[in-house]
Amino acid sequence: MSEPSTFGRPIRRGVLFGAGALLGLLLGGGGVAVAWSAKATSDVPSGAEADAAAACLAIGKAETPTLKGLDLTVARRWDAAAELAEAAAAGDAGYRPLADSLAKVRQAMQLTNLGIEFTSSITRAKEFCANR
């Protein structure tokens, strides 16, 4: 069953077949993984769109701040949303209204001036996210 090789040792056909099958599976699996990865990442927004989406996600998770309930976690979420919106606006001017609204929210929280402009800025930011 073994044939002599030019190197002096016999070659086993089963070993060659197994090695070829394994190599084929590895290459085929790698090709499928690369194609799947390319497809999966093409559906994920990038750049300004991703920053705006993350800002809107943070807004959706954040409670509306009040003077009674202005805790650090709530403030950090709104602050993070403002930073992400600013990054989005830097990449695409279409996100400027979101960034401006959240800048007003941030400023109002820093000054603890949670009046009408503060409330309307939150409403504008939420409406922007709902309509995108």
N, C-alpha and C. Protein backbone atom coordinates (compact mmCIF):
# COMPACT_ATOMS: atom_id res chain seq x y z
N MET A 1 0.80 -1.19 0.00
CA MET A 1 0.00 0.00 0.00
C MET A 1 0.84 1.25 0.00
N SER A 2 2.01 1.20 0.36
CA SER A 2 2.88 2.36 0.37
C SER A 2 3.77 2.35 -0.84
N GLU A 3 4.01 3.54 -1.34
CA GLU A 3 4.92 3.68 -2.47
C GLU A 3 6.16 4.39 -1.99
N PRO A 4 7.31 3.99 -2.47
CA PRO A 4 8.52 4.68 -2.04
C PRO A 4 8.56 6.09 -2.63
N SER A 5 9.03 7.03 -1.84
CA SER A 5 9.17 8.39 -2.32
C SER A 5 10.60 8.62 -2.75
N THR A 6 10.84 9.74 -3.34
CA THR A 6 12.20 10.05 -3.77
C THR A 6 13.10 10.35 -2.58
N PHE A 7 12.52 10.54 -1.41
CA PHE A 7 13.30 10.81 -0.22
C PHE A 7 13.59 9.54 0.57
N GLY A 8 13.07 8.44 0.15
CA GLY A 8 13.39 7.19 0.78
C GLY A 8 12.35 6.68 1.75
N ARG A 9 11.39 7.48 2.16
CA ARG A 9 10.35 7.01 3.07
C ARG A 9 9.08 6.78 2.29
N PRO A 10 8.30 5.82 2.64
CA PRO A 10 7.04 5.59 1.94
C PRO A 10 6.01 6.67 2.31
N ILE A 11 5.17 7.03 1.34
CA ILE A 11 4.11 8.01 1.55
C ILE A 11 2.79 7.26 1.71
N ARG A 12 2.07 7.59 2.71
CA ARG A 12 0.78 6.94 2.93
C ARG A 12 -0.31 7.80 2.30
N ARG A 13 -1.11 7.18 1.47
CA ARG A 13 -2.17 7.91 0.77
C ARG A 13 -3.21 8.45 1.74
N GLY A 14 -3.51 7.75 2.78
CA GLY A 14 -4.50 8.20 3.76
C GLY A 14 -4.07 9.48 4.45
N VAL A 15 -2.76 9.59 4.74
CA VAL A 15 -2.24 10.78 5.39
C VAL A 15 -2.34 11.96 4.43
N LEU A 16 -2.00 11.75 3.17
CA LEU A 16 -2.09 12.81 2.18
C LEU A 16 -3.54 13.25 1.97
N PHE A 17 -4.44 12.28 1.91
CA PHE A 17 -5.84 12.61 1.74
C PHE A 17 -6.35 13.39 2.95
N GLY A 18 -6.03 12.97 4.13
CA GLY A 18 -6.46 13.65 5.37
C GLY A 18 -5.91 15.06 5.45
N ALA A 19 -4.63 15.21 5.09
CA ALA A 19 -4.01 16.54 5.13
C ALA A 19 -4.67 17.46 4.10
N GLY A 20 -4.96 16.93 2.91
CA GLY A 20 -5.63 17.72 1.87
C GLY A 20 -7.04 18.12 2.28
N ALA A 21 -7.75 17.17 2.89
CA ALA A 21 -9.12 17.47 3.33
C ALA A 21 -9.10 18.52 4.44
N LEU A 22 -8.18 18.41 5.37
CA LEU A 22 -8.07 19.38 6.45
C LEU A 22 -7.73 20.77 5.91
N LEU A 23 -6.79 20.82 4.98
CA LEU A 23 -6.40 22.09 4.38
C LEU A 23 -7.58 22.71 3.62
N GLY A 24 -8.33 21.89 2.91
CA GLY A 24 -9.50 22.38 2.20
C GLY A 24 -10.56 22.93 3.14
N LEU A 25 -10.79 22.23 4.25
CA LEU A 25 -11.76 22.72 5.23
C LEU A 25 -11.31 24.04 5.85
N LEU A 26 -10.05 24.14 6.17
CA LEU A 26 -9.54 25.37 6.77
C LEU A 26 -9.65 26.55 5.80
N LEU A 27 -9.25 26.34 4.56
CA LEU A 27 -9.33 27.42 3.57
C LEU A 27 -10.78 27.79 3.26
N GLY A 28 -11.62 26.79 3.12
CA GLY A 28 -13.04 27.05 2.85
C GLY A 28 -13.71 27.76 4.01
N GLY A 29 -13.43 27.31 5.23
CA GLY A 29 -13.99 27.96 6.42
C GLY A 29 -13.48 29.37 6.56
N GLY A 30 -12.21 29.58 6.24
CA GLY A 30 -11.65 30.93 6.30
C GLY A 30 -12.31 31.86 5.30
N GLY A 31 -12.58 31.35 4.11
CA GLY A 31 -13.26 32.16 3.10
C GLY A 31 -14.67 32.52 3.51
N VAL A 32 -15.39 31.58 4.09
CA VAL A 32 -16.74 31.85 4.58
C VAL A 32 -16.69 32.87 5.71
N ALA A 33 -15.72 32.75 6.61
CA ALA A 33 -15.60 33.69 7.73
C ALA A 33 -15.31 35.10 7.24
N VAL A 34 -14.44 35.23 6.25
CA VAL A 34 -14.12 36.55 5.71
C VAL A 34 -15.35 37.17 5.05
N ALA A 35 -16.07 36.37 4.26
CA ALA A 35 -17.27 36.88 3.60
C ALA A 35 -18.34 37.28 4.62
N TRP A 36 -18.53 36.48 5.65
CA TRP A 36 -19.52 36.76 6.68
C TRP A 36 -19.13 38.02 7.46
N SER A 37 -17.86 38.15 7.78
CA SER A 37 -17.38 39.32 8.51
C SER A 37 -17.58 40.59 7.69
N ALA A 38 -17.28 40.53 6.41
CA ALA A 38 -17.45 41.70 5.54
C ALA A 38 -18.92 42.09 5.47
N LYS A 39 -19.80 41.14 5.38
CA LYS A 39 -21.24 41.41 5.34
C LYS A 39 -21.72 41.98 6.65
N ALA A 40 -21.26 41.41 7.76
CA ALA A 40 -21.70 41.85 9.08
C ALA A 40 -21.26 43.28 9.36
N THR A 41 -20.05 43.64 9.00
CA THR A 41 -19.57 44.99 9.29
C THR A 41 -20.12 46.02 8.32
N SER A 42 -20.60 45.60 7.15
CA SER A 42 -21.14 46.57 6.21
C SER A 42 -22.51 47.09 6.66
N ASP A 43 -23.20 46.37 7.55
CA ASP A 43 -24.50 46.80 8.05
C ASP A 43 -24.38 47.75 9.23
N VAL A 44 -23.18 47.88 9.79
CA VAL A 44 -22.97 48.72 10.97
C VAL A 44 -22.58 50.12 10.51
N PRO A 45 -23.29 51.14 10.99
CA PRO A 45 -22.93 52.49 10.58
C PRO A 45 -21.54 52.86 11.08
N SER A 46 -20.91 53.77 10.39
CA SER A 46 -19.58 54.19 10.82
C SER A 46 -19.50 55.71 10.77
N GLY A 47 -18.48 56.25 11.37
CA GLY A 47 -18.24 57.68 11.34
C GLY A 47 -19.33 58.47 12.03
N ALA A 48 -19.75 59.56 11.38
CA ALA A 48 -20.73 60.47 11.96
C ALA A 48 -22.05 59.77 12.25
N GLU A 49 -22.45 58.88 11.37
CA GLU A 49 -23.72 58.16 11.56
C GLU A 49 -23.67 57.31 12.83
N ALA A 50 -22.54 56.65 13.04
CA ALA A 50 -22.39 55.81 14.24
C ALA A 50 -22.37 56.66 15.51
N ASP A 51 -21.71 57.81 15.44
CA ASP A 51 -21.68 58.71 16.61
C ASP A 51 -23.07 59.22 16.94
N ALA A 52 -23.83 59.60 15.92
CA ALA A 52 -25.19 60.09 16.15
C ALA A 52 -26.08 58.97 16.70
N ALA A 53 -25.93 57.77 16.17
CA ALA A 53 -26.71 56.63 16.67
C ALA A 53 -26.39 56.35 18.13
N ALA A 54 -25.11 56.43 18.49
CA ALA A 54 -24.72 56.21 19.88
C ALA A 54 -25.26 57.32 20.78
N ALA A 55 -25.26 58.56 20.29
CA ALA A 55 -25.82 59.68 21.07
C ALA A 55 -27.31 59.45 21.31
N CYS A 56 -28.01 59.04 20.28
CA CYS A 56 -29.45 58.78 20.42
C CYS A 56 -29.72 57.61 21.36
N LEU A 57 -28.85 56.61 21.33
CA LEU A 57 -29.00 55.48 22.24
C LEU A 57 -28.80 55.96 23.69
N ALA A 58 -27.81 56.80 23.91
CA ALA A 58 -27.58 57.34 25.26
C ALA A 58 -28.77 58.17 25.72
N ILE A 59 -29.35 58.97 24.82
CA ILE A 59 -30.53 59.77 25.16
C ILE A 59 -31.69 58.86 25.55
N GLY A 60 -31.84 57.78 24.81
CA GLY A 60 -32.93 56.84 25.10
C GLY A 60 -32.79 56.18 26.46
N LYS A 61 -31.56 56.00 26.92
CA LYS A 61 -31.32 55.36 28.21
C LYS A 61 -31.35 56.35 29.37
N ALA A 62 -31.11 57.61 29.08
CA ALA A 62 -30.97 58.62 30.14
C ALA A 62 -32.33 59.08 30.64
N GLU A 63 -32.40 59.24 31.93
CA GLU A 63 -33.60 59.83 32.53
C GLU A 63 -33.55 61.33 32.29
N THR A 64 -34.70 61.95 32.30
CA THR A 64 -34.74 63.41 32.19
C THR A 64 -34.30 63.98 33.53
N PRO A 65 -33.26 64.78 33.53
CA PRO A 65 -32.75 65.32 34.78
C PRO A 65 -33.73 66.29 35.44
N THR A 66 -33.77 66.25 36.73
CA THR A 66 -34.53 67.22 37.52
C THR A 66 -33.60 67.72 38.62
N LEU A 67 -33.92 68.83 39.21
CA LEU A 67 -33.06 69.35 40.29
C LEU A 67 -33.04 68.39 41.47
N LYS A 68 -34.15 67.71 41.72
CA LYS A 68 -34.19 66.73 42.80
C LYS A 68 -33.35 65.51 42.46
N GLY A 69 -33.47 65.06 41.22
CA GLY A 69 -32.84 63.80 40.84
C GLY A 69 -31.64 63.94 39.94
N LEU A 70 -30.92 65.05 40.01
CA LEU A 70 -29.75 65.25 39.15
C LEU A 70 -28.56 64.52 39.76
N ASP A 71 -28.50 63.22 39.51
CA ASP A 71 -27.37 62.47 40.04
C ASP A 71 -26.29 62.34 38.98
N LEU A 72 -25.15 61.84 39.38
CA LEU A 72 -23.98 61.78 38.51
C LEU A 72 -24.19 60.88 37.30
N THR A 73 -24.88 59.77 37.48
CA THR A 73 -25.10 58.84 36.36
C THR A 73 -25.94 59.49 35.27
N VAL A 74 -26.99 60.17 35.66
CA VAL A 74 -27.86 60.85 34.69
C VAL A 74 -27.07 61.93 33.96
N ALA A 75 -26.33 62.72 34.70
CA ALA A 75 -25.54 63.79 34.09
C ALA A 75 -24.49 63.22 33.14
N ARG A 76 -23.87 62.12 33.49
CA ARG A 76 -22.85 61.52 32.62
C ARG A 76 -23.45 61.01 31.32
N ARG A 77 -24.64 60.45 31.37
CA ARG A 77 -25.27 59.97 30.13
C ARG A 77 -25.56 61.14 29.19
N TRP A 78 -26.10 62.21 29.72
CA TRP A 78 -26.39 63.37 28.87
C TRP A 78 -25.10 64.00 28.36
N ASP A 79 -24.08 64.02 29.19
CA ASP A 79 -22.79 64.56 28.77
C ASP A 79 -22.19 63.71 27.66
N ALA A 80 -22.27 62.39 27.81
CA ALA A 80 -21.76 61.49 26.78
C ALA A 80 -22.52 61.67 25.47
N ALA A 81 -23.83 61.80 25.56
CA ALA A 81 -24.64 62.03 24.36
C ALA A 81 -24.22 63.32 23.67
N ALA A 82 -23.95 64.36 24.46
CA ALA A 82 -23.52 65.64 23.88
C ALA A 82 -22.18 65.51 23.18
N GLU A 83 -21.25 64.79 23.78
CA GLU A 83 -19.93 64.59 23.15
C GLU A 83 -20.06 63.81 21.84
N LEU A 84 -20.86 62.76 21.85
CA LEU A 84 -21.05 61.96 20.64
C LEU A 84 -21.74 62.76 19.55
N ALA A 85 -22.71 63.57 19.93
CA ALA A 85 -23.41 64.40 18.94
C ALA A 85 -22.46 65.43 18.35
N GLU A 86 -21.57 65.96 19.17
CA GLU A 86 -20.59 66.94 18.67
C GLU A 86 -19.64 66.26 17.67
N ALA A 87 -19.23 65.04 17.98
CA ALA A 87 -18.38 64.29 17.04
C ALA A 87 -19.12 64.01 15.74
N ALA A 88 -20.39 63.68 15.83
CA ALA A 88 -21.20 63.43 14.63
C ALA A 88 -21.31 64.70 13.79
N ALA A 89 -21.55 65.83 14.45
CA ALA A 89 -21.68 67.10 13.73
C ALA A 89 -20.37 67.53 13.08
N ALA A 90 -19.26 67.17 13.71
CA ALA A 90 -17.95 67.48 13.11
C ALA A 90 -17.74 66.69 11.82
N GLY A 91 -18.32 65.51 11.76
CA GLY A 91 -18.19 64.67 10.56
C GLY A 91 -19.25 64.92 9.52
N ASP A 92 -20.41 65.41 9.94
CA ASP A 92 -21.53 65.64 9.02
C ASP A 92 -22.38 66.76 9.60
N ALA A 93 -22.45 67.87 8.89
CA ALA A 93 -23.18 69.05 9.38
C ALA A 93 -24.67 68.78 9.59
N GLY A 94 -25.19 67.72 9.01
CA GLY A 94 -26.59 67.37 9.20
C GLY A 94 -26.92 67.02 10.64
N TYR A 95 -25.90 66.70 11.44
CA TYR A 95 -26.11 66.37 12.85
C TYR A 95 -25.93 67.58 13.77
N ARG A 96 -25.71 68.76 13.19
CA ARG A 96 -25.51 69.98 14.00
C ARG A 96 -26.70 70.29 14.89
N PRO A 97 -27.97 70.15 14.43
CA PRO A 97 -29.10 70.43 15.32
C PRO A 97 -29.10 69.55 16.58
N LEU A 98 -28.73 68.29 16.43
CA LEU A 98 -28.64 67.39 17.58
C LEU A 98 -27.55 67.87 18.53
N ALA A 99 -26.40 68.20 17.98
CA ALA A 99 -25.28 68.66 18.81
C ALA A 99 -25.62 69.96 19.54
N ASP A 100 -26.27 70.88 18.84
CA ASP A 100 -26.63 72.15 19.46
C ASP A 100 -27.64 71.96 20.60
N SER A 101 -28.62 71.10 20.36
CA SER A 101 -29.62 70.84 21.41
C SER A 101 -28.97 70.24 22.64
N LEU A 102 -28.09 69.28 22.42
CA LEU A 102 -27.45 68.62 23.56
C LEU A 102 -26.42 69.52 24.25
N ALA A 103 -25.83 70.45 23.51
CA ALA A 103 -24.93 71.42 24.14
C ALA A 103 -25.72 72.30 25.11
N LYS A 104 -26.94 72.66 24.74
CA LYS A 104 -27.78 73.45 25.63
C LYS A 104 -28.21 72.65 26.86
N VAL A 105 -28.48 71.38 26.66
CA VAL A 105 -28.83 70.52 27.79
C VAL A 105 -27.63 70.44 28.75
N ARG A 106 -26.45 70.23 28.19
CA ARG A 106 -25.23 70.13 29.01
C ARG A 106 -25.00 71.42 29.80
N GLN A 107 -25.12 72.55 29.11
CA GLN A 107 -24.89 73.83 29.77
C GLN A 107 -25.92 74.07 30.88
N ALA A 108 -27.16 73.74 30.63
CA ALA A 108 -28.20 73.93 31.63
C ALA A 108 -27.95 73.07 32.86
N MET A 109 -27.49 71.85 32.66
CA MET A 109 -27.19 70.99 33.80
C MET A 109 -26.01 71.54 34.60
N GLN A 110 -25.00 72.07 33.91
CA GLN A 110 -23.84 72.62 34.61
C GLN A 110 -24.23 73.83 35.44
N LEU A 111 -25.17 74.61 34.93
CA LEU A 111 -25.61 75.82 35.64
C LEU A 111 -26.80 75.56 36.55
N THR A 112 -27.24 74.30 36.57
CA THR A 112 -28.47 73.89 37.28
C THR A 112 -29.64 74.82 36.96
N ASN A 113 -29.74 75.12 35.68
CA ASN A 113 -30.82 75.96 35.17
C ASN A 113 -31.72 75.08 34.31
N LEU A 114 -32.57 74.30 34.98
CA LEU A 114 -33.38 73.31 34.28
C LEU A 114 -34.77 73.88 33.96
N GLY A 115 -34.78 74.98 33.23
CA GLY A 115 -36.02 75.66 32.91
C GLY A 115 -36.59 75.23 31.57
N ILE A 116 -37.33 76.14 30.95
CA ILE A 116 -38.05 75.87 29.70
C ILE A 116 -37.09 75.58 28.55
N GLU A 117 -36.02 76.35 28.43
CA GLU A 117 -35.07 76.11 27.34
C GLU A 117 -34.43 74.73 27.47
N PHE A 118 -34.17 74.33 28.69
CA PHE A 118 -33.61 73.00 28.97
C PHE A 118 -34.57 71.92 28.50
N THR A 119 -35.82 72.04 28.89
CA THR A 119 -36.84 71.05 28.53
C THR A 119 -37.05 71.01 27.02
N SER A 120 -37.10 72.18 26.38
CA SER A 120 -37.31 72.20 24.93
C SER A 120 -36.09 71.65 24.19
N SER A 121 -34.90 71.83 24.74
CA SER A 121 -33.70 71.27 24.11
C SER A 121 -33.71 69.75 24.17
N ILE A 122 -34.16 69.20 25.29
CA ILE A 122 -34.29 67.73 25.40
C ILE A 122 -35.32 67.24 24.39
N THR A 123 -36.43 67.94 24.29
CA THR A 123 -37.49 67.55 23.34
C THR A 123 -36.96 67.58 21.91
N ARG A 124 -36.22 68.65 21.54
CA ARG A 124 -35.67 68.73 20.19
C ARG A 124 -34.69 67.59 19.92
N ALA A 125 -33.85 67.27 20.88
CA ALA A 125 -32.89 66.18 20.70
C ALA A 125 -33.61 64.85 20.51
N LYS A 126 -34.61 64.59 21.32
CA LYS A 126 -35.37 63.33 21.20
C LYS A 126 -36.12 63.26 19.88
N GLU A 127 -36.68 64.38 19.43
CA GLU A 127 -37.38 64.41 18.14
C GLU A 127 -36.40 64.18 16.99
N PHE A 128 -35.24 64.76 17.09
CA PHE A 128 -34.22 64.56 16.05
C PHE A 128 -33.90 63.07 15.95
N CYS A 129 -33.70 62.43 17.09
CA CYS A 129 -33.36 61.00 17.08
C CYS A 129 -34.52 60.15 16.55
N ALA A 130 -35.72 60.54 16.90
CA ALA A 130 -36.90 59.78 16.44
C ALA A 130 -37.09 59.89 14.93
N ASN A 131 -36.68 61.00 14.34
CA ASN A 131 -36.88 61.24 12.91
C ASN A 131 -35.72 60.86 12.02
N ARG A 132 -34.67 60.36 12.58
CA ARG A 132 -33.52 60.04 11.72
C ARG A 132 -33.62 58.66 11.16
